[in-house]
Amino acid sequence: MYAVEDSLILTDQDLGSPVRADFPIDLRESGDIESLKSLEPGRIAVGVWEPEGRSMLVLEG
């Protein structure tokens, strides 16, 4: 898993077979993903920067 500005990309362990993951908010051109942290299987903390400020989202999948 890695982030590219406004989306999450899931891959295999060799960074092959990339798949864009659905993201629960639309960052458009105004926001970026700054950080990713695995919390436990199926849960990821995502640090988001937007002009209004920073926030943290917890995604479950």
C-alpha atoms as a PDB file:
ATOM      1  CA  MET A   1       0.000   0.000   0.000  1.00  0.00           C
ATOM      2  CA  TYR A   2       1.249   3.477  -0.792  1.00  0.00           C
ATOM      3  CA  ALA A   3      -0.276   6.928  -1.273  1.00  0.00           C
ATOM      4  CA  VAL A   4      -0.175   9.248  -4.266  1.00  0.00           C
ATOM      5  CA  GLU A   5      -1.465  12.732  -3.460  1.00  0.00           C
ATOM      6  CA  ASP A   6      -5.200  11.943  -3.376  1.00  0.00           C
ATOM      7  CA  SER A   7      -5.536   8.152  -3.429  1.00  0.00           C
ATOM      8  CA  LEU A   8      -4.306   4.902  -1.942  1.00  0.00           C
ATOM      9  CA  ILE A   9      -2.653   2.296  -4.149  1.00  0.00           C
ATOM     10  CA  LEU A  10      -2.613  -1.366  -3.097  1.00  0.00           C
ATOM     11  CA  THR A  11       0.084  -3.672  -4.484  1.00  0.00           C
ATOM     12  CA  ASP A  12       1.643  -7.059  -3.884  1.00  0.00           C
ATOM     13  CA  GLN A  13       4.869  -7.313  -1.864  1.00  0.00           C
ATOM     14  CA  ASP A  14       6.970  -6.603  -4.970  1.00  0.00           C
ATOM     15  CA  LEU A  15       4.974  -3.410  -5.745  1.00  0.00           C
ATOM     16  CA  GLY A  16       3.376  -5.151  -8.717  1.00  0.00           C
ATOM     17  CA  SER A  17      -0.296  -5.363  -9.754  1.00  0.00           C
ATOM     18  CA  PRO A  18      -1.245  -1.877  -8.479  1.00  0.00           C
ATOM     19  CA  VAL A  19      -4.937  -1.222  -7.781  1.00  0.00           C
ATOM     20  CA  ARG A  20      -6.383   2.174  -6.830  1.00  0.00           C
ATOM     21  CA  ALA A  21      -8.399   1.891  -3.595  1.00  0.00           C
ATOM     22  CA  ASP A  22     -11.651   3.747  -3.004  1.00  0.00           C
ATOM     23  CA  PHE A  23     -11.184   6.762  -0.730  1.00  0.00           C
ATOM     24  CA  PRO A  24     -14.120   7.928   1.418  1.00  0.00           C
ATOM     25  CA  ILE A  25     -13.574  11.653   0.765  1.00  0.00           C
ATOM     26  CA  ASP A  26     -12.880  13.681  -2.363  1.00  0.00           C
ATOM     27  CA  LEU A  27      -9.661  15.658  -1.901  1.00  0.00           C
ATOM     28  CA  ARG A  28      -9.862  17.090  -5.427  1.00  0.00           C
ATOM     29  CA  GLU A  29      -6.907  19.348  -6.140  1.00  0.00           C
ATOM     30  CA  SER A  30      -7.022  20.991  -2.708  1.00  0.00           C
ATOM     31  CA  GLY A  31      -5.685  18.212  -0.484  1.00  0.00           C
ATOM     32  CA  ASP A  32      -2.983  15.565  -0.193  1.00  0.00           C
ATOM     33  CA  ILE A  33      -2.343  12.369   1.720  1.00  0.00           C
ATOM     34  CA  GLU A  34       0.640  13.026   4.000  1.00  0.00           C
ATOM     35  CA  SER A  35       1.015   9.806   5.965  1.00  0.00           C
ATOM     36  CA  LEU A  36      -0.158   6.215   6.320  1.00  0.00           C
ATOM     37  CA  LYS A  37      -0.027   4.040   9.440  1.00  0.00           C
ATOM     38  CA  SER A  38      -1.237   0.468   9.739  1.00  0.00           C
ATOM     39  CA  LEU A  39      -3.253   0.127  12.945  1.00  0.00           C
ATOM     40  CA  GLU A  40      -4.251  -3.543  12.732  1.00  0.00           C
ATOM     41  CA  PRO A  41      -5.369  -5.868   9.944  1.00  0.00           C
ATOM     42  CA  GLY A  42      -8.031  -4.046   7.938  1.00  0.00           C
ATOM     43  CA  ARG A  43      -7.530  -0.608   9.564  1.00  0.00           C
ATOM     44  CA  ILE A  44      -5.292   2.214   8.330  1.00  0.00           C
ATOM     45  CA  ALA A  45      -4.781   5.729   9.716  1.00  0.00           C
ATOM     46  CA  VAL A  46      -4.430   8.298   6.929  1.00  0.00           C
ATOM     47  CA  GLY A  47      -2.996  11.767   7.586  1.00  0.00           C
ATOM     48  CA  VAL A  48      -4.623  14.311   5.260  1.00  0.00           C
ATOM     49  CA  TRP A  49      -3.558  17.879   4.522  1.00  0.00           C
ATOM     50  CA  GLU A  50      -6.071  20.404   3.156  1.00  0.00           C
ATOM     51  CA  PRO A  51      -5.807  24.222   3.029  1.00  0.00           C
ATOM     52  CA  GLU A  52      -8.188  24.362   6.011  1.00  0.00           C
ATOM     53  CA  GLY A  53      -5.848  22.212   8.120  1.00  0.00           C
ATOM     54  CA  ARG A  54      -4.676  18.685   8.811  1.00  0.00           C
ATOM     55  CA  SER A  55      -6.831  15.746   9.842  1.00  0.00           C
ATOM     56  CA  MET A  56      -6.558  12.015  10.441  1.00  0.00           C
ATOM     57  CA  LEU A  57      -8.949   9.445   8.972  1.00  0.00           C
ATOM     58  CA  VAL A  58      -9.229   5.795   9.958  1.00  0.00           C
ATOM     59  CA  LEU A  59     -10.141   3.579   7.022  1.00  0.00           C
ATOM     60  CA  GLU A  60     -11.521   0.098   7.474  1.00  0.00           C
ATOM     61  CA  GLY A  61     -11.644  -2.451   4.733  1.00  0.00           C
END
